[in-house]
C-alpha cells in the first residue's frame, strides 16, 4: 500500500494506492494551512481504505518546486513516517506528476510545458516531450521570459494567458496521479529533498556591515 501526498501547491492532496489502482483520495477544501490539513487528510484516506499506518509499504511525496513552508510540511511528514514505519520514501518533482496526468488523460499529444504559480508574479516551468519525459527545467522566472505557443499545463498558464495562450488542465498536482506514476515507474524518483529554486523568504539575519568612521584626532 503506497501513501502519496503533495503539498507543493496551495491545495494539499493525499491518496492511497493498493498496487492496482488508487483506492482512496482526498484533497483539502481550502488552500494553504498545510500544517493543519495534511495529518487529518492522511487519517481520512487510511480510514476510507480500512487500514492503519502499519499496513503501508511505501510513501511518495511531491518535492516541488513550491513555497518553502508548504514543501517543508510535506517532506518532514514523509521522512518521519518512513523512518517510523521503516518503509521507502520516493520524492517526485510535482511538475512531472502534472505532465504524466496530462499525457495519460490525452490532454496533450506532443511537446508541451508545465507551469505552476511561483507567486511574486513568477512561474515554475519545465518542458516535456510527448511521453511526459522532462527535457528541461524546472526553472523560475517571469512569465514573459518563459512565454511559449506550445500547450502549457498547470495553474501558471491559466494565470498568465498572455504568455501561455494554449493553457490546459490539470491545474494542480494530484496525489492520485503521483501514486500511479510512482507505482508504474512513469516518473523519476529520488530523495525527499525540496526543490525550492530560490531562497526562502525568511532568512537568518546577516551580521551588520562595519561602518567606517571618518578619521578624526580622537580615533587616529
Protein backbone atom coordinates (compact mmCIF):
# COMPACT_ATOMS: atom_id res chain seq x y z
CA UNK A 1 0.00 0.00 0.00
CA UNK A 2 1.57 3.26 -1.17
CA UNK A 3 0.61 6.51 0.58
CA UNK A 4 1.13 9.59 -1.60
CA UNK A 5 0.76 13.28 -0.85
CA UNK A 6 1.74 16.62 -2.31
CA UNK A 7 1.99 19.99 -0.53
CA UNK A 8 3.75 21.96 -3.29
CA UNK A 9 0.62 23.89 -4.27
CA UNK A 10 -1.93 25.76 -2.14
CA UNK A 11 -4.10 22.62 -2.10
CA UNK A 12 -2.97 19.65 0.00
CA UNK A 13 -3.77 16.33 -1.71
CA UNK A 14 -3.44 12.76 -0.34
CA UNK A 15 -4.09 9.34 -1.93
CA UNK A 16 -3.61 5.63 -1.30
CA UNK A 17 -2.65 3.08 -3.97
CA UNK A 18 -3.03 -0.68 -3.40
CA UNK A 19 -0.74 -1.77 -6.22
CA UNK A 20 -3.54 -1.96 -8.76
CA UNK A 21 -5.11 1.48 -8.57
CA UNK A 22 -5.94 4.38 -6.27
CA UNK A 23 -8.37 3.16 -3.58
CA UNK A 24 -8.84 6.43 -1.68
CA UNK A 25 -8.10 10.09 -2.38
CA UNK A 26 -8.73 13.34 -0.53
CA UNK A 27 -7.95 17.00 -1.21
CA UNK A 28 -8.19 20.00 1.08
CA UNK A 29 -11.30 22.09 0.59
CA UNK A 30 -9.41 25.31 1.19
CA UNK A 31 -5.94 26.48 0.26
CA UNK A 32 -2.90 26.94 2.46
CA UNK A 33 -2.77 25.82 6.14
CA UNK A 34 -0.76 22.76 5.06
CA UNK A 35 0.37 22.00 8.60
CA UNK A 36 -3.21 21.81 9.85
CA UNK A 37 -4.63 19.87 6.91
CA UNK A 38 -2.13 17.16 5.98
CA UNK A 39 -2.41 14.86 9.02
CA UNK A 40 -6.26 14.79 9.06
CA UNK A 41 -6.33 14.07 5.32
CA UNK A 42 -3.92 11.16 5.79
CA UNK A 43 -6.12 9.78 8.58
CA UNK A 44 -9.22 10.05 6.37
CA UNK A 45 -7.58 8.27 3.44
CA UNK A 46 -6.34 5.42 5.63
CA UNK A 47 -9.75 5.11 7.29
CA UNK A 48 -11.53 5.05 3.92
CA UNK A 49 -9.39 2.07 2.90
CA UNK A 50 -9.80 0.38 6.26
CA UNK A 51 -6.09 0.20 7.03
CA UNK A 52 -3.64 1.67 9.54
CA UNK A 53 -0.17 3.20 9.14
CA UNK A 54 1.44 -0.20 9.84
CA UNK A 55 -0.09 -1.53 6.60
CA UNK A 56 1.81 0.95 4.43
CA UNK A 57 4.66 -0.38 2.31
CA UNK A 58 5.90 2.92 0.90
CA UNK A 59 5.41 6.68 0.74
CA UNK A 60 5.55 9.03 -2.24
CA UNK A 61 5.80 12.78 -1.82
CA UNK A 62 5.90 15.76 -4.16
CA UNK A 63 9.15 17.70 -3.76
CA UNK A 64 8.05 20.83 -5.60
CA UNK A 65 9.11 23.27 -6.79
CA UNK A 66 6.90 25.23 -4.44
CA UNK A 67 6.80 27.58 -1.46
CA UNK A 68 9.18 26.84 1.41
CA UNK A 69 6.53 26.40 4.11
CA UNK A 70 4.25 24.05 2.21
CA UNK A 71 7.07 21.83 0.97
CA UNK A 72 8.60 21.59 4.44
CA UNK A 73 5.33 20.26 5.89
CA UNK A 74 5.04 17.50 3.30
CA UNK A 75 8.68 16.45 3.26
CA UNK A 76 9.11 16.38 7.03
CA UNK A 77 5.93 14.29 7.33
CA UNK A 78 7.11 11.87 4.63
CA UNK A 79 10.56 11.41 6.12
CA UNK A 80 9.20 10.99 9.64
CA UNK A 81 6.58 8.42 8.64
CA UNK A 82 9.08 6.48 6.51
CA UNK A 83 11.56 6.38 9.39
CA UNK A 84 9.00 5.26 11.97
CA UNK A 85 7.39 2.66 9.70
CA UNK A 86 10.70 1.56 8.14
CA UNK A 87 9.37 1.89 4.58
CA UNK A 88 10.92 3.54 1.49
CA UNK A 89 10.04 7.12 0.59
CA UNK A 90 10.03 8.34 -3.03
CA UNK A 91 10.46 12.02 -3.85
CA UNK A 92 8.97 13.20 -7.16
CA UNK A 93 9.03 16.56 -8.94
CA UNK A 94 5.48 17.89 -8.70
CA UNK A 95 5.62 19.24 -12.27
CA UNK A 96 6.38 15.72 -13.52
CA UNK A 97 3.15 14.49 -11.94
CA UNK A 98 1.14 17.12 -13.80
CA UNK A 99 2.90 16.13 -17.02
CA UNK A 100 2.13 12.43 -16.63
CA UNK A 101 -1.53 13.12 -15.86
CA UNK A 102 -1.83 15.34 -18.94
CA UNK A 103 -0.29 12.64 -21.18
CA UNK A 104 -2.25 9.73 -19.70
CA UNK A 105 -5.55 11.60 -19.98
CA UNK A 106 -4.85 12.58 -23.60
CA UNK A 107 -4.84 16.30 -22.84
CA UNK A 108 -1.59 16.75 -24.78
CA UNK A 109 -0.21 14.77 -27.71
CA UNK A 110 3.09 16.45 -28.49
CA UNK A 111 5.79 18.52 -26.83
CA UNK A 112 4.46 20.75 -24.05
CA UNK A 113 5.37 22.55 -20.83
CA UNK A 114 4.09 22.61 -17.28
CA UNK A 115 3.88 25.90 -15.37
CA UNK A 116 2.76 26.41 -11.77
CA UNK A 117 2.32 29.55 -9.70
CA UNK A 118 5.55 30.68 -8.02
CA UNK A 119 4.00 33.88 -6.60
CA UNK A 120 5.82 37.24 -6.94
CA UNK A 121 4.38 37.34 -10.50
CA UNK A 122 6.60 34.39 -11.48
CA UNK A 123 6.05 30.77 -12.51
CA UNK A 124 7.89 27.48 -12.14
CA UNK A 125 8.24 25.88 -15.58
CA UNK A 126 9.59 22.66 -17.08
CA UNK A 127 9.37 21.27 -20.61
CA UNK A 128 8.37 17.74 -21.68
CA UNK A 129 8.25 15.51 -24.73
CA UNK A 130 5.12 13.73 -25.95
CA UNK A 131 5.65 10.84 -23.49
CA UNK A 132 5.78 13.13 -20.45
CA UNK A 133 9.55 12.85 -20.03
CA UNK A 134 11.11 16.08 -18.77
CA UNK A 135 13.50 17.63 -21.30
CA UNK A 136 14.45 20.81 -19.43
CA UNK A 137 13.84 22.65 -16.17
CA UNK A 138 12.38 23.30 -13.79
CA UNK A 139 13.20 26.99 -13.65
CA UNK A 140 11.58 30.00 -12.04
CA UNK A 141 11.12 33.29 -13.90
CA UNK A 142 8.58 35.87 -15.02
CA UNK A 143 6.01 34.54 -17.49
CA UNK A 144 7.12 36.91 -20.23
CA UNK A 145 10.63 35.45 -20.11
CA UNK A 146 9.26 31.90 -20.48
CA UNK A 147 6.44 32.60 -22.94
CA UNK A 148 5.61 29.86 -25.45
CA UNK A 149 2.97 28.98 -28.04
CA UNK A 150 3.17 25.30 -27.06
CA UNK A 151 0.47 23.80 -24.83
CA UNK A 152 1.14 24.58 -21.18
CA UNK A 153 -0.39 22.55 -18.37
CA UNK A 154 -0.87 23.92 -14.87
CA UNK A 155 -2.10 26.88 -12.89
CA UNK A 156 0.74 29.11 -14.08
CA UNK A 157 -0.59 29.01 -17.63
CA UNK A 158 -4.13 29.82 -16.50
CA UNK A 159 -2.87 32.83 -14.52
CA UNK A 160 -0.83 34.32 -17.39
CA UNK A 161 -2.69 33.75 -20.69
CA UNK A 162 -0.70 36.44 -22.49
CA UNK A 163 2.48 34.41 -22.05
CA UNK A 164 0.84 31.00 -22.35
CA UNK A 165 -2.13 31.26 -24.75
CA UNK A 166 -2.63 27.47 -25.02
CA UNK A 167 -3.37 26.75 -21.35
CA UNK A 168 -4.58 23.27 -20.43
CA UNK A 169 -5.58 21.23 -17.40
CA UNK A 170 -4.79 19.84 -14.88
CA UNK A 171 -4.07 22.92 -12.81
CA UNK A 172 -2.53 21.43 -9.65
CA UNK A 173 -0.78 18.16 -8.76
CA UNK A 174 -2.95 15.20 -7.75
CA UNK A 175 -1.78 12.70 -5.14
CA UNK A 176 -3.70 10.02 -7.03
CA UNK A 177 -1.62 10.61 -10.15
CA UNK A 178 1.53 10.85 -8.04
CA UNK A 179 0.77 7.38 -6.65
CA UNK A 180 0.01 5.94 -10.11
CA UNK A 181 3.17 7.43 -11.62
CA UNK A 182 5.41 6.03 -8.88
CA UNK A 183 3.74 2.60 -8.97
CA UNK A 184 4.12 2.27 -12.75
CA UNK A 185 7.59 3.82 -12.88
CA UNK A 186 6.38 6.63 -15.14
CA UNK A 187 8.36 9.29 -13.25
CA UNK A 188 11.90 9.55 -11.95
CA UNK A 189 12.06 9.25 -8.18
CA UNK A 190 14.72 10.40 -5.77
CA UNK A 191 15.39 11.51 -2.23
CA UNK A 192 12.70 13.56 -0.49
CA UNK A 193 14.65 16.80 -0.84
CA UNK A 194 12.87 20.07 -1.65
CA UNK A 195 13.03 21.85 -4.99
CA UNK A 196 12.89 25.49 -3.88
CA UNK A 197 14.66 27.10 -6.90
CA UNK A 198 15.07 30.27 -4.87
CA UNK A 199 15.95 31.22 -1.33
CA UNK A 200 13.12 31.15 1.24
CA UNK A 201 11.55 34.46 2.23
CA UNK A 202 12.62 34.05 5.87
CA UNK A 203 16.37 34.05 6.30
CA UNK A 204 18.75 34.31 9.23
CA UNK A 205 19.82 37.97 9.52
CA UNK A 206 23.36 38.60 8.40
CA UNK A 207 25.86 40.40 10.66
CA UNK A 208 25.66 44.16 10.20
CA UNK A 209 28.25 45.69 7.90
CA UNK A 210 31.12 47.51 9.52
CA UNK A 211 30.76 51.28 9.37
CA UNK A 212 33.92 53.21 8.51
CA UNK A 213 34.08 56.38 10.55
CA UNK A 214 35.83 59.43 9.18
CA UNK A 215 39.31 59.85 10.60
CA UNK A 216 39.46 62.36 13.42
CA UNK A 217 42.10 63.22 16.00
CA UNK A 218 40.13 61.11 18.52
CA UNK A 219 40.33 57.84 16.56
CA UNK A 220 43.74 58.14 14.93
